[in-house]
Amino acid sequence: MKKTSTLILLMLTASYSFANSDFKPSKYQCSGIEQRIEKINSRMRAGYSTKEGEQLKEQLRSLKKQRNECKKKGFSVD
């Protein structure tokens, strides 16, 4: 349980820092976005509380915006 809570807190912190900053696509930042989106989708399919669900949805929105910016600049998101 502690590992899950810590992981969720870490993911939230990382996603909020991306969401609050001006995302500037680069090869490094764009790599792996698709995997992060899939990981959140998988977590959402496994079930979640209302609060956690809202946080996961916000992370997903942020990552999808970043993915779109990366694709506009021609960077791989895989």
PDB file of N, CA and C in Angstrom:
ATOM      1  N   MET A   1       0.826  -1.189   0.000  1.00  0.00           N
ATOM      2  CA  MET A   1       0.000   0.000   0.000  1.00  0.00           C
ATOM      3  C   MET A   1       0.874   1.257   0.000  1.00  0.00           C
ATOM      4  N   LYS A   2       1.954   1.230   0.800  1.00  0.00           N
ATOM      5  CA  LYS A   2       2.840   2.388   0.843  1.00  0.00           C
ATOM      6  C   LYS A   2       3.487   2.649  -0.507  1.00  0.00           C
ATOM      7  N   LYS A   3       3.876   1.573  -1.193  1.00  0.00           N
ATOM      8  CA  LYS A   3       4.508   1.727  -2.506  1.00  0.00           C
ATOM      9  C   LYS A   3       3.540   2.375  -3.485  1.00  0.00           C
ATOM     10  N   THR A   4       2.291   1.928  -3.463  1.00  0.00           N
ATOM     11  CA  THR A   4       1.288   2.485  -4.369  1.00  0.00           C
ATOM     12  C   THR A   4       1.064   3.958  -4.076  1.00  0.00           C
ATOM     13  N   SER A   5       0.919   4.302  -2.817  1.00  0.00           N
ATOM     14  CA  SER A   5       0.704   5.702  -2.438  1.00  0.00           C
ATOM     15  C   SER A   5       1.884   6.574  -2.840  1.00  0.00           C
ATOM     16  N   THR A   6       3.080   6.069  -2.622  1.00  0.00           N
ATOM     17  CA  THR A   6       4.280   6.820  -2.979  1.00  0.00           C
ATOM     18  C   THR A   6       4.372   7.005  -4.483  1.00  0.00           C
ATOM     19  N   LEU A   7       4.075   5.944  -5.227  1.00  0.00           N
ATOM     20  CA  LEU A   7       4.124   6.019  -6.683  1.00  0.00           C
ATOM     21  C   LEU A   7       3.101   7.026  -7.210  1.00  0.00           C
ATOM     22  N   ILE A   8       1.903   6.985  -6.672  1.00  0.00           N
ATOM     23  CA  ILE A   8       0.860   7.921  -7.102  1.00  0.00           C
ATOM     24  C   ILE A   8       1.272   9.352  -6.795  1.00  0.00           C
ATOM     25  N   LEU A   9       1.798   9.590  -5.611  1.00  0.00           N
ATOM     26  CA  LEU A   9       2.247  10.924  -5.233  1.00  0.00           C
ATOM     27  C   LEU A   9       3.359  11.407  -6.159  1.00  0.00           C
ATOM     28  N   LEU A  10       4.297  10.534  -6.474  1.00  0.00           N
ATOM     29  CA  LEU A  10       5.387  10.893  -7.383  1.00  0.00           C
ATOM     30  C   LEU A  10       4.861  11.221  -8.772  1.00  0.00           C
ATOM     31  N   MET A  11       3.928  10.413  -9.271  1.00  0.00           N
ATOM     32  CA  MET A  11       3.354  10.660 -10.589  1.00  0.00           C
ATOM     33  C   MET A  11       2.589  11.979 -10.622  1.00  0.00           C
ATOM     34  N   LEU A  12       1.859  12.257  -9.548  1.00  0.00           N
ATOM     35  CA  LEU A  12       1.104  13.510  -9.496  1.00  0.00           C
ATOM     36  C   LEU A  12       2.035  14.707  -9.492  1.00  0.00           C
ATOM     37  N   THR A  13       3.079  14.628  -8.713  1.00  0.00           N
ATOM     38  CA  THR A  13       4.037  15.720  -8.647  1.00  0.00           C
ATOM     39  C   THR A  13       4.663  15.972 -10.009  1.00  0.00           C
ATOM     40  N   ALA A  14       5.053  14.909 -10.675  1.00  0.00           N
ATOM     41  CA  ALA A  14       5.671  15.041 -12.001  1.00  0.00           C
ATOM     42  C   ALA A  14       4.686  15.606 -13.010  1.00  0.00           C
ATOM     43  N   SER A  15       3.465  15.108 -12.995  1.00  0.00           N
ATOM     44  CA  SER A  15       2.502  15.581 -13.993  1.00  0.00           C
ATOM     45  C   SER A  15       2.089  17.016 -13.731  1.00  0.00           C
ATOM     46  N   TYR A  16       1.949  17.410 -12.463  1.00  0.00           N
ATOM     47  CA  TYR A  16       1.586  18.789 -12.174  1.00  0.00           C
ATOM     48  C   TYR A  16       2.705  19.751 -12.557  1.00  0.00           C
ATOM     49  N   SER A  17       3.945  19.316 -12.386  1.00  0.00           N
ATOM     50  CA  SER A  17       5.041  20.199 -12.783  1.00  0.00           C
ATOM     51  C   SER A  17       5.051  20.387 -14.296  1.00  0.00           C
ATOM     52  N   PHE A  18       4.715  19.334 -15.046  1.00  0.00           N
ATOM     53  CA  PHE A  18       4.603  19.473 -16.496  1.00  0.00           C
ATOM     54  C   PHE A  18       3.409  20.340 -16.869  1.00  0.00           C
ATOM     55  N   ALA A  19       2.294  20.137 -16.189  1.00  0.00           N
ATOM     56  CA  ALA A  19       1.072  20.870 -16.526  1.00  0.00           C
ATOM     57  C   ALA A  19       1.215  22.357 -16.230  1.00  0.00           C
ATOM     58  N   ASN A  20       1.941  22.691 -15.170  1.00  0.00           N
ATOM     59  CA  ASN A  20       2.068  24.083 -14.770  1.00  0.00           C
ATOM     60  C   ASN A  20       3.176  24.822 -15.514  1.00  0.00           C
ATOM     61  N   SER A  21       4.041  24.094 -16.160  1.00  0.00           N
ATOM     62  CA  SER A  21       5.120  24.745 -16.889  1.00  0.00           C
ATOM     63  C   SER A  21       4.764  24.825 -18.370  1.00  0.00           C
ATOM     64  N   ASP A  22       5.486  25.650 -19.080  1.00  0.00           N
ATOM     65  CA  ASP A  22       5.307  25.699 -20.519  1.00  0.00           C
ATOM     66  C   ASP A  22       6.094  24.548 -21.110  1.00  0.00           C
ATOM     67  N   PHE A  23       5.399  23.581 -21.621  1.00  0.00           N
ATOM     68  CA  PHE A  23       6.034  22.386 -22.177  1.00  0.00           C
ATOM     69  C   PHE A  23       6.671  22.732 -23.509  1.00  0.00           C
ATOM     70  N   LYS A  24       7.948  22.484 -23.602  1.00  0.00           N
ATOM     71  CA  LYS A  24       8.679  22.706 -24.837  1.00  0.00           C
ATOM     72  C   LYS A  24       9.169  21.343 -25.316  1.00  0.00           C
ATOM     73  N   PRO A  25       8.565  20.843 -26.392  1.00  0.00           N
ATOM     74  CA  PRO A  25       8.916  19.502 -26.859  1.00  0.00           C
ATOM     75  C   PRO A  25      10.391  19.355 -27.223  1.00  0.00           C
ATOM     76  N   SER A  26      10.964  18.262 -26.822  1.00  0.00           N
ATOM     77  CA  SER A  26      12.314  17.883 -27.219  1.00  0.00           C
ATOM     78  C   SER A  26      12.310  16.367 -27.398  1.00  0.00           C
ATOM     79  N   LYS A  27      13.319  15.854 -28.028  1.00  0.00           N
ATOM     80  CA  LYS A  27      13.399  14.413 -28.255  1.00  0.00           C
ATOM     81  C   LYS A  27      13.341  13.664 -26.919  1.00  0.00           C
ATOM     82  N   TYR A  28      14.033  14.156 -25.927  1.00  0.00           N
ATOM     83  CA  TYR A  28      14.089  13.515 -24.612  1.00  0.00           C
ATOM     84  C   TYR A  28      12.728  13.546 -23.924  1.00  0.00           C
ATOM     85  N   GLN A  29      12.073  14.715 -23.901  1.00  0.00           N
ATOM     86  CA  GLN A  29      10.796  14.844 -23.206  1.00  0.00           C
ATOM     87  C   GLN A  29       9.679  14.091 -23.905  1.00  0.00           C
ATOM     88  N   CYS A  30       9.771  13.937 -25.201  1.00  0.00           N
ATOM     89  CA  CYS A  30       8.709  13.277 -25.964  1.00  0.00           C
ATOM     90  C   CYS A  30       8.806  11.758 -25.927  1.00  0.00           C
ATOM     91  N   SER A  31      10.000  11.243 -25.714  1.00  0.00           N
ATOM     92  CA  SER A  31      10.147   9.788 -25.721  1.00  0.00           C
ATOM     93  C   SER A  31       9.421   9.190 -24.513  1.00  0.00           C
ATOM     94  N   GLY A  32       8.612   8.181 -24.780  1.00  0.00           N
ATOM     95  CA  GLY A  32       7.920   7.483 -23.701  1.00  0.00           C
ATOM     96  C   GLY A  32       6.564   8.040 -23.307  1.00  0.00           C
ATOM     97  N   ILE A  33       6.120   9.109 -23.931  1.00  0.00           N
ATOM     98  CA  ILE A  33       4.815   9.678 -23.565  1.00  0.00           C
ATOM     99  C   ILE A  33       3.706   8.662 -23.809  1.00  0.00           C
ATOM    100  N   GLU A  34       3.778   7.953 -24.919  1.00  0.00           N
ATOM    101  CA  GLU A  34       2.738   6.965 -25.243  1.00  0.00           C
ATOM    102  C   GLU A  34       2.668   5.878 -24.171  1.00  0.00           C
ATOM    103  N   GLN A  35       3.822   5.440 -23.658  1.00  0.00           N
ATOM    104  CA  GLN A  35       3.843   4.421 -22.612  1.00  0.00           C
ATOM    105  C   GLN A  35       3.241   4.962 -21.316  1.00  0.00           C
ATOM    106  N   ARG A  36       3.514   6.218 -21.005  1.00  0.00           N
ATOM    107  CA  ARG A  36       2.940   6.816 -19.798  1.00  0.00           C
ATOM    108  C   ARG A  36       1.426   6.925 -19.914  1.00  0.00           C
ATOM    109  N   ILE A  37       0.939   7.257 -21.103  1.00  0.00           N
ATOM    110  CA  ILE A  37      -0.508   7.331 -21.333  1.00  0.00           C
ATOM    111  C   ILE A  37      -1.124   5.942 -21.153  1.00  0.00           C
ATOM    112  N   GLU A  38      -0.481   4.926 -21.706  1.00  0.00           N
ATOM    113  CA  GLU A  38      -0.987   3.558 -21.573  1.00  0.00           C
ATOM    114  C   GLU A  38      -0.993   3.099 -20.117  1.00  0.00           C
ATOM    115  N   LYS A  39       0.027   3.486 -19.353  1.00  0.00           N
ATOM    116  CA  LYS A  39       0.105   3.104 -17.949  1.00  0.00           C
ATOM    117  C   LYS A  39      -1.061   3.718 -17.162  1.00  0.00           C
ATOM    118  N   ILE A  40      -1.379   4.968 -17.438  1.00  0.00           N
ATOM    119  CA  ILE A  40      -2.501   5.620 -16.759  1.00  0.00           C
ATOM    120  C   ILE A  40      -3.816   4.978 -17.190  1.00  0.00           C
ATOM    121  N   ASN A  41      -3.977   4.700 -18.482  1.00  0.00           N
ATOM    122  CA  ASN A  41      -5.191   4.032 -18.952  1.00  0.00           C
ATOM    123  C   ASN A  41      -5.359   2.670 -18.281  1.00  0.00           C
ATOM    124  N   SER A  42      -4.272   1.941 -18.135  1.00  0.00           N
ATOM    125  CA  SER A  42      -4.314   0.646 -17.472  1.00  0.00           C
ATOM    126  C   SER A  42      -4.738   0.800 -16.017  1.00  0.00           C
ATOM    127  N   ARG A  43      -4.183   1.782 -15.355  1.00  0.00           N
ATOM    128  CA  ARG A  43      -4.536   2.047 -13.953  1.00  0.00           C
ATOM    129  C   ARG A  43      -6.017   2.402 -13.830  1.00  0.00           C
ATOM    130  N   MET A  44      -6.531   3.159 -14.775  1.00  0.00           N
ATOM    131  CA  MET A  44      -7.937   3.554 -14.730  1.00  0.00           C
ATOM    132  C   MET A  44      -8.854   2.343 -14.956  1.00  0.00           C
ATOM    133  N   ARG A  45      -8.431   1.401 -15.792  1.00  0.00           N
ATOM    134  CA  ARG A  45      -9.231   0.197 -16.012  1.00  0.00           C
ATOM    135  C   ARG A  45      -9.262  -0.689 -14.775  1.00  0.00           C
ATOM    136  N   ALA A  46      -8.246  -0.585 -13.919  1.00  0.00           N
ATOM    137  CA  ALA A  46      -8.151  -1.422 -12.730  1.00  0.00           C
ATOM    138  C   ALA A  46      -9.051  -0.929 -11.598  1.00  0.00           C
ATOM    139  N   GLY A  47      -9.590   0.269 -11.719  1.00  0.00           N
ATOM    140  CA  GLY A  47     -10.459   0.817 -10.684  1.00  0.00           C
ATOM    141  C   GLY A  47      -9.741   1.860  -9.849  1.00  0.00           C
ATOM    142  N   TYR A  48     -10.512   2.800  -9.345  1.00  0.00           N
ATOM    143  CA  TYR A  48      -9.932   3.904  -8.590  1.00  0.00           C
ATOM    144  C   TYR A  48     -11.017   4.616  -7.789  1.00  0.00           C
ATOM    145  N   SER A  49     -10.588   5.381  -6.801  1.00  0.00           N
ATOM    146  CA  SER A  49     -11.520   6.197  -6.023  1.00  0.00           C
ATOM    147  C   SER A  49     -11.860   7.452  -6.824  1.00  0.00           C
ATOM    148  N   THR A  50     -12.844   8.181  -6.371  1.00  0.00           N
ATOM    149  CA  THR A  50     -13.249   9.399  -7.073  1.00  0.00           C
ATOM    150  C   THR A  50     -12.105  10.402  -7.140  1.00  0.00           C
ATOM    151  N   LYS A  51     -11.449  10.634  -6.022  1.00  0.00           N
ATOM    152  CA  LYS A  51     -10.340  11.594  -5.979  1.00  0.00           C
ATOM    153  C   LYS A  51      -9.194  11.147  -6.878  1.00  0.00           C
ATOM    154  N   GLU A  52      -8.846   9.879  -6.771  1.00  0.00           N
ATOM    155  CA  GLU A  52      -7.751   9.354  -7.591  1.00  0.00           C
ATOM    156  C   GLU A  52      -8.117   9.412  -9.076  1.00  0.00           C
ATOM    157  N   GLY A  53      -9.379   9.133  -9.390  1.00  0.00           N
ATOM    158  CA  GLY A  53      -9.836   9.190 -10.768  1.00  0.00           C
ATOM    159  C   GLY A  53      -9.680  10.566 -11.369  1.00  0.00           C
ATOM    160  N   GLU A  54     -10.010  11.590 -10.610  1.00  0.00           N
ATOM    161  CA  GLU A  54      -9.856  12.963 -11.096  1.00  0.00           C
ATOM    162  C   GLU A  54      -8.384  13.293 -11.350  1.00  0.00           C
ATOM    163  N   GLN A  55      -7.521  12.817 -10.472  1.00  0.00           N
ATOM    164  CA  GLN A  55      -6.091  13.057 -10.640  1.00  0.00           C
ATOM    165  C   GLN A  55      -5.562  12.319 -11.873  1.00  0.00           C
ATOM    166  N   LEU A  56      -6.006  11.091 -12.061  1.00  0.00           N
ATOM    167  CA  LEU A  56      -5.568  10.323 -13.229  1.00  0.00           C
ATOM    168  C   LEU A  56      -6.057  10.974 -14.521  1.00  0.00           C
ATOM    169  N   LYS A  57      -7.286  11.464 -14.513  1.00  0.00           N
ATOM    170  CA  LYS A  57      -7.825  12.131 -15.702  1.00  0.00           C
ATOM    171  C   LYS A  57      -7.040  13.395 -16.026  1.00  0.00           C
ATOM    172  N   GLU A  58      -6.645  14.141 -15.001  1.00  0.00           N
ATOM    173  CA  GLU A  58      -5.858  15.360 -15.228  1.00  0.00           C
ATOM    174  C   GLU A  58      -4.486  15.006 -15.806  1.00  0.00           C
ATOM    175  N   GLN A  59      -3.866  13.956 -15.272  1.00  0.00           N
ATOM    176  CA  GLN A  59      -2.579  13.511 -15.805  1.00  0.00           C
ATOM    177  C   GLN A  59      -2.718  13.106 -17.264  1.00  0.00           C
ATOM    178  N   LEU A  60      -3.801  12.407 -17.564  1.00  0.00           N
ATOM    179  CA  LEU A  60      -4.040  11.952 -18.926  1.00  0.00           C
ATOM    180  C   LEU A  60      -4.229  13.130 -19.871  1.00  0.00           C
ATOM    181  N   ARG A  61      -4.989  14.130 -19.459  1.00  0.00           N
ATOM    182  CA  ARG A  61      -5.176  15.329 -20.283  1.00  0.00           C
ATOM    183  C   ARG A  61      -3.850  16.017 -20.548  1.00  0.00           C
ATOM    184  N   SER A  62      -3.044  16.152 -19.510  1.00  0.00           N
ATOM    185  CA  SER A  62      -1.749  16.812 -19.643  1.00  0.00           C
ATOM    186  C   SER A  62      -0.835  16.049 -20.608  1.00  0.00           C
ATOM    187  N   LEU A  63      -0.774  14.740 -20.447  1.00  0.00           N
ATOM    188  CA  LEU A  63       0.083  13.932 -21.318  1.00  0.00           C
ATOM    189  C   LEU A  63      -0.399  13.960 -22.767  1.00  0.00           C
ATOM    190  N   LYS A  64      -1.700  13.975 -22.967  1.00  0.00           N
ATOM    191  CA  LYS A  64      -2.226  14.025 -24.341  1.00  0.00           C
ATOM    192  C   LYS A  64      -1.896  15.364 -25.002  1.00  0.00           C
ATOM    193  N   LYS A  65      -1.934  16.439 -24.229  1.00  0.00           N
ATOM    194  CA  LYS A  65      -1.538  17.746 -24.769  1.00  0.00           C
ATOM    195  C   LYS A  65      -0.062  17.727 -25.145  1.00  0.00           C
ATOM    196  N   GLN A  66       0.751  17.141 -24.269  1.00  0.00           N
ATOM    197  CA  GLN A  66       2.183  17.048 -24.547  1.00  0.00           C
ATOM    198  C   GLN A  66       2.427  16.188 -25.780  1.00  0.00           C
ATOM    199  N   ARG A  67       1.708  15.075 -25.906  1.00  0.00           N
ATOM    200  CA  ARG A  67       1.853  14.201 -27.073  1.00  0.00           C
ATOM    201  C   ARG A  67       1.544  14.964 -28.358  1.00  0.00           C
ATOM    202  N   ASN A  68       0.477  15.762 -28.325  1.00  0.00           N
ATOM    203  CA  ASN A  68       0.116  16.538 -29.512  1.00  0.00           C
ATOM    204  C   ASN A  68       1.195  17.551 -29.867  1.00  0.00           C
ATOM    205  N   GLU A  69       1.772  18.208 -28.862  1.00  0.00           N
ATOM    206  CA  GLU A  69       2.854  19.165 -29.116  1.00  0.00           C
ATOM    207  C   GLU A  69       4.068  18.461 -29.711  1.00  0.00           C
ATOM    208  N   CYS A  70       4.368  17.283 -29.200  1.00  0.00           N
ATOM    209  CA  CYS A  70       5.509  16.526 -29.718  1.00  0.00           C
ATOM    210  C   CYS A  70       5.288  16.143 -31.175  1.00  0.00           C
ATOM    211  N   LYS A  71       4.083  15.685 -31.478  1.00  0.00           N
ATOM    212  CA  LYS A  71       3.785  15.281 -32.852  1.00  0.00           C
ATOM    213  C   LYS A  71       3.843  16.473 -33.798  1.00  0.00           C
ATOM    214  N   LYS A  72       3.405  17.650 -33.343  1.00  0.00           N
ATOM    215  CA  LYS A  72       3.473  18.853 -34.173  1.00  0.00           C
ATOM    216  C   LYS A  72       4.919  19.178 -34.549  1.00  0.00           C
ATOM    217  N   LYS A  73       5.822  18.939 -33.597  1.00  0.00           N
ATOM    218  CA  LYS A  73       7.243  19.235 -33.825  1.00  0.00           C
ATOM    219  C   LYS A  73       7.980  18.090 -34.508  1.00  0.00           C
ATOM    220  N   GLY A  74       7.290  16.953 -34.714  1.00  0.00           N
ATOM    221  CA  GLY A  74       7.898  15.836 -35.424  1.00  0.00           C
ATOM    222  C   GLY A  74       8.707  14.874 -34.555  1.00  0.00           C
ATOM    223  N   PHE A  75       8.542  14.944 -33.249  1.00  0.00           N
ATOM    224  CA  PHE A  75       9.270  14.048 -32.346  1.00  0.00           C
ATOM    225  C   PHE A  75       8.489  12.759 -32.140  1.00  0.00           C
ATOM    226  N   SER A  76       9.196  11.669 -31.925  1.00  0.00           N
ATOM    227  CA  SER A  76       8.573  10.373 -31.654  1.00  0.00           C
ATOM    228  C   SER A  76       8.048  10.363 -30.215  1.00  0.00           C
ATOM    229  N   VAL A  77       6.869   9.773 -30.021  1.00  0.00           N
ATOM    230  CA  VAL A  77       6.278   9.683 -28.684  1.00  0.00           C
ATOM    231  C   VAL A  77       6.301   8.254 -28.166  1.00  0.00           C
ATOM    232  N   ASP A  78       6.944   7.339 -28.898  1.00  0.00           N
ATOM    233  CA  ASP A  78       6.993   5.935 -28.486  1.00  0.00           C
ATOM    234  C   ASP A  78       8.057   5.692 -27.454  1.00  0.00           C
TER     235      ASP A  78
END
